[in-house]
Amino acid sequence: MKEDTILKVLPWDVRSIIQKEKLEFEYLQEIRLREGKPLIFLYHDTEVIPGAKARRPYLVTKDNIREMLEYISNYSLYACEQEMRQGFITIEGGHRVGLSGQAIMENGKVKNLKYISSVNIRVAHEMIGCADAVFPYIVCNRMLCHTLIVSPPGCGKTTLLRDLIRQISEGNSWLPGLAVGVVDERSEIGGCYMGVAQNHLGIRTDILDGCPKAEGMIMLIRSMGPQVIAVDEIGTPEDVHAIEYAMHCGCKMLATVHAESMEELRKKPLFNRMIGEGRFERYILLGNDAHVGQIEGIFDNRGSLLYKEMMEMAK
């Protein structure tokens, strides 16, 4: 259960507070621990600071942080070095635990972190059916379009990607079930535990867990023969080259990228070129003005608006 996988990595004090506050995990989005600062929950898009109303907030201690790191790493932070250099550890269930502290540098690159003083659990949520609204725009003549989900952090892009994968793999009224290859570099899409996905990604989905995206896409094409390849958070030249290779091999692409808007995406040289060349056929822009995962707009291969949620709501 989601509740169990999160509770078991929290310090005992924090577990007690969650139970005392009667927080439902369905609506729990983030748990933030900063040494010497109040414990903060992001709950149903609202900050909750236990004890704040009585002017006695619970202050996170160094021992809280130490205890949590021991649980997250199974008492071996050294074994998590590869993940920690990226600033996070992914735990069972696909929940991402962000870390900050002092960086240990080697040859100009971050090797690891020490003196960790802040921890943030971003709770992964499955929302079955959340992709229903976009299928009329990303399927043409029962063929999936190359699709890029554009979103700021925390706006539900991975949640949407996960449900797209599930429905494409299972098949729905818009298209038949297709073989989907997922490169899950950060173990967030499938939430794999010992190689087995904890999230429901469909019956025709193969997952390459913990593998760099660019290398993983090519590996899947050579070994698993996917009809669709899905990846999260692209951004490097290597990622883009692998995507172009996959497209040339006849695979349909599903991917996500961080950006506040299509205008911001165009300012990134790699993506400006891809938009100019019409590589992706559809862009789904997400926001959170009204709610997390709100569809701000769907755009065609040249970045022209096809659908805008607020316009539809105003009719």
Protein backbone atom coordinates (compact mmCIF):
# COMPACT_ATOMS: atom_id res chain seq x y z
CA MET A 1 0.00 0.00 0.00
CA LYS A 2 1.11 3.58 -0.74
CA GLU A 3 0.57 4.54 2.90
CA ASP A 4 2.85 1.78 4.16
CA THR A 5 5.70 2.51 1.73
CA ILE A 6 5.80 6.16 2.83
CA LEU A 7 5.25 5.66 6.56
CA LYS A 8 8.10 3.18 6.85
CA VAL A 9 10.69 5.75 5.69
CA LEU A 10 9.47 8.55 7.97
CA PRO A 11 10.85 9.28 11.45
CA TRP A 12 8.58 7.99 14.21
CA ASP A 13 7.69 11.52 15.30
CA VAL A 14 6.48 12.43 11.81
CA ARG A 15 4.45 9.24 11.50
CA SER A 16 2.67 10.13 14.74
CA ILE A 17 1.94 13.66 13.50
CA ILE A 18 0.39 12.36 10.26
CA GLN A 19 -1.89 10.09 12.26
CA LYS A 20 -2.75 12.86 14.74
CA GLU A 21 -3.54 15.33 11.93
CA LYS A 22 -5.67 12.62 10.24
CA LEU A 23 -4.12 13.30 6.85
CA GLU A 24 -5.43 11.07 4.07
CA PHE A 25 -2.69 9.80 1.77
CA GLU A 26 -4.95 10.24 -1.24
CA TYR A 27 -4.49 14.00 -0.89
CA LEU A 28 -0.95 14.12 0.51
CA GLN A 29 1.41 15.60 -2.09
CA GLU A 30 4.64 16.51 -0.29
CA ILE A 31 6.31 16.04 3.09
CA ARG A 32 9.09 18.57 3.76
CA LEU A 33 11.64 18.26 6.54
CA ARG A 34 14.20 21.07 6.98
CA GLU A 35 16.56 20.91 9.93
CA GLY A 36 15.59 23.49 12.54
CA LYS A 37 12.49 24.56 10.58
CA PRO A 38 8.80 23.62 10.94
CA LEU A 39 7.57 20.35 9.43
CA ILE A 40 5.40 21.14 6.39
CA PHE A 41 2.92 19.01 4.47
CA LEU A 42 1.49 19.91 1.08
CA TYR A 43 -2.01 18.54 1.37
CA HIS A 44 -4.74 19.00 -1.22
CA ASP A 45 -2.75 21.93 -2.75
CA THR A 46 -2.56 23.62 0.68
CA GLU A 47 0.34 23.92 3.14
CA VAL A 48 -0.26 22.30 6.51
CA ILE A 49 2.13 23.21 9.36
CA PRO A 50 1.30 21.07 12.41
CA GLY A 51 1.08 23.14 15.60
CA ALA A 52 1.31 26.48 13.79
CA LYS A 53 -2.10 27.71 14.98
CA ALA A 54 -1.04 27.21 18.59
CA ARG A 55 2.31 28.87 17.77
CA ARG A 56 4.05 25.62 18.62
CA PRO A 57 5.04 24.11 15.25
CA TYR A 58 6.95 20.88 15.24
CA LEU A 59 10.60 21.73 14.49
CA VAL A 60 12.56 19.14 12.51
CA THR A 61 15.73 17.95 14.27
CA LYS A 62 19.04 16.64 13.00
CA ASP A 63 18.08 13.26 14.47
CA ASN A 64 14.86 13.29 12.39
CA ILE A 65 16.89 13.76 9.21
CA ARG A 66 19.43 11.10 10.22
CA GLU A 67 16.70 8.59 11.07
CA MET A 68 14.92 9.19 7.78
CA LEU A 69 18.09 8.80 5.72
CA GLU A 70 18.74 5.45 7.41
CA TYR A 71 15.26 4.20 6.51
CA ILE A 72 15.39 5.50 2.93
CA SER A 73 18.80 3.96 2.21
CA ASN A 74 18.22 0.76 4.19
CA TYR A 75 21.11 1.87 6.44
CA SER A 76 23.56 2.22 3.53
CA LEU A 77 23.79 5.70 2.02
CA TYR A 78 26.89 4.57 0.13
CA ALA A 79 24.72 2.17 -1.90
CA CYS A 80 22.55 5.13 -2.96
CA GLU A 81 25.45 7.28 -4.19
CA GLN A 82 24.45 7.00 -7.86
CA GLU A 83 21.01 8.42 -7.14
CA MET A 84 22.13 10.95 -4.54
CA ARG A 85 24.41 12.71 -6.99
CA GLN A 86 21.22 13.64 -8.87
CA GLY A 87 19.73 15.09 -5.69
CA PHE A 88 17.14 12.44 -4.91
CA ILE A 89 16.44 8.80 -4.06
CA THR A 90 13.40 6.99 -5.46
CA ILE A 91 11.76 4.60 -3.01
CA GLU A 92 9.33 1.71 -3.44
CA GLY A 93 6.13 2.91 -5.06
CA GLY A 94 7.88 5.51 -7.22
CA HIS A 95 7.93 8.21 -4.53
CA ARG A 96 10.83 10.64 -5.04
CA VAL A 97 12.79 11.75 -1.98
CA GLY A 98 14.61 14.99 -2.75
CA LEU A 99 17.76 15.81 -0.77
CA SER A 100 19.84 18.94 -0.27
CA GLY A 101 23.00 19.63 1.70
CA GLN A 102 26.67 20.10 0.87
CA ALA A 103 27.80 18.83 -2.52
CA ILE A 104 30.91 16.64 -2.78
CA MET A 105 32.66 17.56 -6.01
CA GLU A 106 34.96 15.44 -8.19
CA ASN A 107 36.44 16.62 -11.50
CA GLY A 108 33.98 19.51 -11.57
CA LYS A 109 30.91 17.29 -11.12
CA VAL A 110 28.75 16.40 -8.14
CA LYS A 111 29.86 13.03 -6.78
CA ASN A 112 27.60 12.85 -3.73
CA LEU A 113 25.93 14.88 -0.95
CA LYS A 114 26.86 15.21 2.73
CA TYR A 115 25.56 17.17 5.73
CA ILE A 116 22.02 16.70 4.37
CA SER A 117 19.73 19.26 6.00
CA SER A 118 16.56 19.12 3.88
CA VAL A 119 14.42 16.21 2.72
CA ASN A 120 11.30 16.38 0.56
CA ILE A 121 9.08 13.40 -0.22
CA ARG A 122 7.03 13.93 -3.37
CA VAL A 123 4.20 11.42 -3.11
CA ALA A 124 3.51 9.59 -6.38
CA HIS A 125 -0.15 9.25 -7.30
CA GLU A 126 -1.85 7.01 -9.81
CA MET A 127 -4.90 8.66 -11.34
CA ILE A 128 -6.62 6.07 -13.47
CA GLY A 129 -8.41 7.76 -16.37
CA CYS A 130 -6.74 11.18 -16.07
CA ALA A 131 -5.60 10.90 -19.71
CA ASP A 132 -9.11 10.38 -21.10
CA ALA A 133 -9.53 14.00 -22.18
CA VAL A 134 -6.39 14.16 -24.33
CA PHE A 135 -6.91 11.08 -26.52
CA PRO A 136 -9.16 12.84 -29.07
CA TYR A 137 -6.26 15.20 -29.77
CA ILE A 138 -3.30 12.80 -29.83
CA VAL A 139 -4.81 10.02 -31.98
CA CYS A 140 -5.38 10.46 -35.72
CA ASN A 141 -6.99 7.69 -37.79
CA ARG A 142 -6.37 5.28 -34.90
CA MET A 143 -2.66 6.13 -34.97
CA LEU A 144 -0.89 7.65 -31.98
CA CYS A 145 0.86 10.99 -32.55
CA HIS A 146 4.38 11.68 -31.29
CA THR A 147 3.47 13.54 -28.08
CA LEU A 148 5.46 15.76 -25.68
CA ILE A 149 3.98 16.74 -22.30
CA VAL A 150 5.19 20.21 -21.27
CA SER A 151 4.86 21.15 -17.61
CA PRO A 152 6.42 23.04 -14.70
CA PRO A 153 7.51 20.86 -11.76
CA GLY A 154 4.69 19.45 -9.65
CA CYS A 155 1.92 19.84 -12.23
CA GLY A 156 1.24 16.15 -12.85
CA LYS A 157 3.20 15.40 -16.01
CA THR A 158 4.41 12.00 -14.76
CA THR A 159 0.90 11.11 -13.57
CA LEU A 160 -0.51 11.94 -17.01
CA LEU A 161 2.29 10.03 -18.75
CA ARG A 162 1.64 7.00 -16.57
CA ASP A 163 -2.06 6.86 -17.51
CA LEU A 164 -1.29 7.42 -21.20
CA ILE A 165 1.07 4.43 -21.09
CA ARG A 166 -1.54 2.27 -19.34
CA GLN A 167 -4.31 3.09 -21.81
CA ILE A 168 -2.12 2.74 -24.90
CA SER A 169 -0.84 -0.61 -23.64
CA GLU A 170 -4.31 -1.92 -22.77
CA GLY A 171 -6.05 -0.34 -25.76
CA ASN A 172 -9.15 1.85 -25.61
CA SER A 173 -11.86 3.22 -27.91
CA TRP A 174 -9.32 5.40 -29.71
CA LEU A 175 -6.65 2.83 -30.59
CA PRO A 176 -5.82 -0.87 -30.19
CA GLY A 177 -3.42 -2.07 -27.52
CA LEU A 178 0.20 -1.39 -28.48
CA ALA A 179 3.56 -2.68 -27.21
CA VAL A 180 5.04 0.10 -25.07
CA GLY A 181 8.69 0.32 -23.98
CA VAL A 182 9.31 2.52 -20.92
CA VAL A 183 12.75 3.81 -19.96
CA ASP A 184 12.22 4.64 -16.29
CA GLU A 185 15.52 6.28 -15.37
CA ARG A 186 14.32 7.57 -11.98
CA SER A 187 11.94 4.68 -11.17
CA GLU A 188 9.03 7.13 -10.98
CA ILE A 189 6.82 5.96 -13.85
CA GLY A 190 6.47 2.30 -12.92
CA GLY A 191 7.63 2.61 -9.31
CA CYS A 192 9.55 -0.64 -9.73
CA TYR A 193 10.56 -2.64 -6.69
CA MET A 194 13.05 -5.45 -7.38
CA GLY A 195 12.29 -5.08 -11.08
CA VAL A 196 8.51 -5.34 -10.78
CA ALA A 197 6.32 -2.28 -11.48
CA GLN A 198 4.18 -1.23 -8.51
CA ASN A 199 2.07 1.04 -10.73
CA HIS A 200 -0.33 -0.25 -13.37
CA LEU A 201 1.21 0.36 -16.81
CA GLY A 202 -0.76 -2.12 -18.90
CA ILE A 203 -0.40 -5.66 -20.20
CA ARG A 204 1.82 -4.83 -23.22
CA THR A 205 4.40 -2.69 -21.40
CA ASP A 206 8.08 -3.52 -20.91
CA ILE A 207 10.07 -1.43 -18.41
CA LEU A 208 13.79 -0.74 -18.38
CA ASP A 209 14.26 0.53 -14.83
CA GLY A 210 17.10 2.75 -13.60
CA CYS A 211 18.67 3.06 -17.04
CA PRO A 212 19.79 6.36 -18.66
CA LYS A 213 17.14 7.46 -21.14
CA ALA A 214 19.25 7.79 -24.28
CA GLU A 215 20.91 4.41 -23.86
CA GLY A 216 17.68 2.75 -22.73
CA MET A 217 15.66 3.86 -25.76
CA ILE A 218 18.17 2.26 -28.13
CA MET A 219 18.35 -0.90 -26.00
CA LEU A 220 14.55 -1.31 -26.08
CA ILE A 221 14.39 -0.83 -29.85
CA ARG A 222 17.04 -3.50 -30.36
CA SER A 223 15.68 -6.00 -27.84
CA MET A 224 11.93 -5.57 -27.31
CA GLY A 225 10.50 -4.23 -30.57
CA PRO A 226 8.26 -1.54 -29.03
CA GLN A 227 5.63 0.28 -31.06
CA VAL A 228 5.69 3.16 -28.57
CA ILE A 229 8.54 4.41 -26.37
CA ALA A 230 7.85 6.49 -23.24
CA VAL A 231 10.37 8.52 -21.22
CA ASP A 232 10.15 11.17 -18.51
CA GLU A 233 11.97 14.52 -18.27
CA ILE A 234 14.07 14.74 -21.41
CA GLY A 235 16.55 17.57 -21.83
CA THR A 236 20.03 16.54 -22.98
CA PRO A 237 21.33 16.38 -26.55
CA GLU A 238 21.74 12.62 -26.08
CA ASP A 239 18.04 12.30 -25.18
CA VAL A 240 16.99 14.25 -28.27
CA HIS A 241 19.25 12.24 -30.59
CA ALA A 242 17.85 8.96 -29.19
CA ILE A 243 14.29 10.24 -29.67
CA GLU A 244 15.01 11.13 -33.28
CA TYR A 245 16.56 7.68 -33.80
CA ALA A 246 13.45 6.02 -32.30
CA MET A 247 11.18 8.05 -34.58
CA HIS A 248 13.21 7.01 -37.63
CA CYS A 249 12.81 3.39 -36.50
CA GLY A 250 9.03 3.71 -36.64
CA CYS A 251 8.37 4.03 -32.91
CA LYS A 252 5.85 6.54 -31.63
CA MET A 253 7.24 8.74 -28.83
CA LEU A 254 5.72 9.82 -25.53
CA ALA A 255 7.90 12.13 -23.44
CA THR A 256 7.80 14.93 -20.88
CA VAL A 257 9.86 18.08 -20.42
CA HIS A 258 10.07 20.88 -17.85
CA ALA A 259 8.84 24.26 -19.13
CA GLU A 260 6.33 26.86 -17.96
CA SER A 261 4.94 27.51 -21.44
CA MET A 262 5.43 26.85 -25.14
CA GLU A 263 7.26 30.18 -25.32
CA GLU A 264 9.76 29.00 -22.73
CA LEU A 265 10.15 25.68 -24.54
CA ARG A 266 10.99 27.54 -27.77
CA LYS A 267 13.78 29.39 -25.96
CA LYS A 268 15.59 26.08 -25.40
CA PRO A 269 17.76 25.53 -28.51
CA LEU A 270 17.25 21.76 -28.68
CA PHE A 271 13.48 22.04 -28.54
CA ASN A 272 13.25 25.11 -30.74
CA ARG A 273 14.85 23.04 -33.48
CA MET A 274 12.50 20.10 -32.87
CA ILE A 275 9.45 22.39 -32.99
CA GLY A 276 10.75 24.00 -36.18
CA GLU A 277 11.22 20.58 -37.76
CA GLY A 278 7.80 19.37 -36.55
CA ARG A 279 9.29 16.32 -34.80
CA PHE A 280 6.58 16.01 -32.15
CA GLU A 281 3.07 16.07 -33.59
CA ARG A 282 1.34 17.13 -30.37
CA TYR A 283 2.32 19.17 -27.29
CA ILE A 284 0.24 18.96 -24.10
CA LEU A 285 0.79 21.94 -21.78
CA LEU A 286 -0.07 21.42 -18.10
CA GLY A 287 -0.53 23.94 -15.29
CA ASN A 288 -1.99 24.18 -11.80
CA ASP A 289 -3.92 27.47 -11.65
CA ALA A 290 -7.25 25.73 -11.01
CA HIS A 291 -5.94 22.30 -10.02
CA VAL A 292 -2.83 20.16 -10.40
CA GLY A 293 -2.73 18.59 -13.84
CA GLN A 294 -4.93 21.21 -15.49
CA ILE A 295 -4.61 21.08 -19.28
CA GLU A 296 -3.65 24.61 -20.32
CA GLY A 297 -3.54 23.78 -24.02
CA ILE A 298 -2.81 21.19 -26.71
CA PHE A 299 -0.68 22.27 -29.67
CA ASP A 300 0.12 20.82 -33.10
CA ASN A 301 3.52 19.96 -34.57
CA ARG A 302 4.38 23.64 -35.20
CA GLY A 303 3.26 24.78 -31.76
CA SER A 304 -0.09 26.21 -32.89
CA LEU A 305 -2.97 25.96 -30.41
CA LEU A 306 -5.50 23.17 -31.04
CA TYR A 307 -7.34 23.21 -27.72
CA LYS A 308 -7.42 25.48 -24.66
CA GLU A 309 -9.25 24.36 -21.53
CA MET A 310 -10.28 27.79 -20.32
CA MET A 311 -11.81 28.63 -23.70
CA GLU A 312 -13.82 25.41 -23.61
CA MET A 313 -14.95 26.09 -20.04
CA ALA A 314 -16.13 29.57 -21.02
CA LYS A 315 -18.51 28.25 -23.69
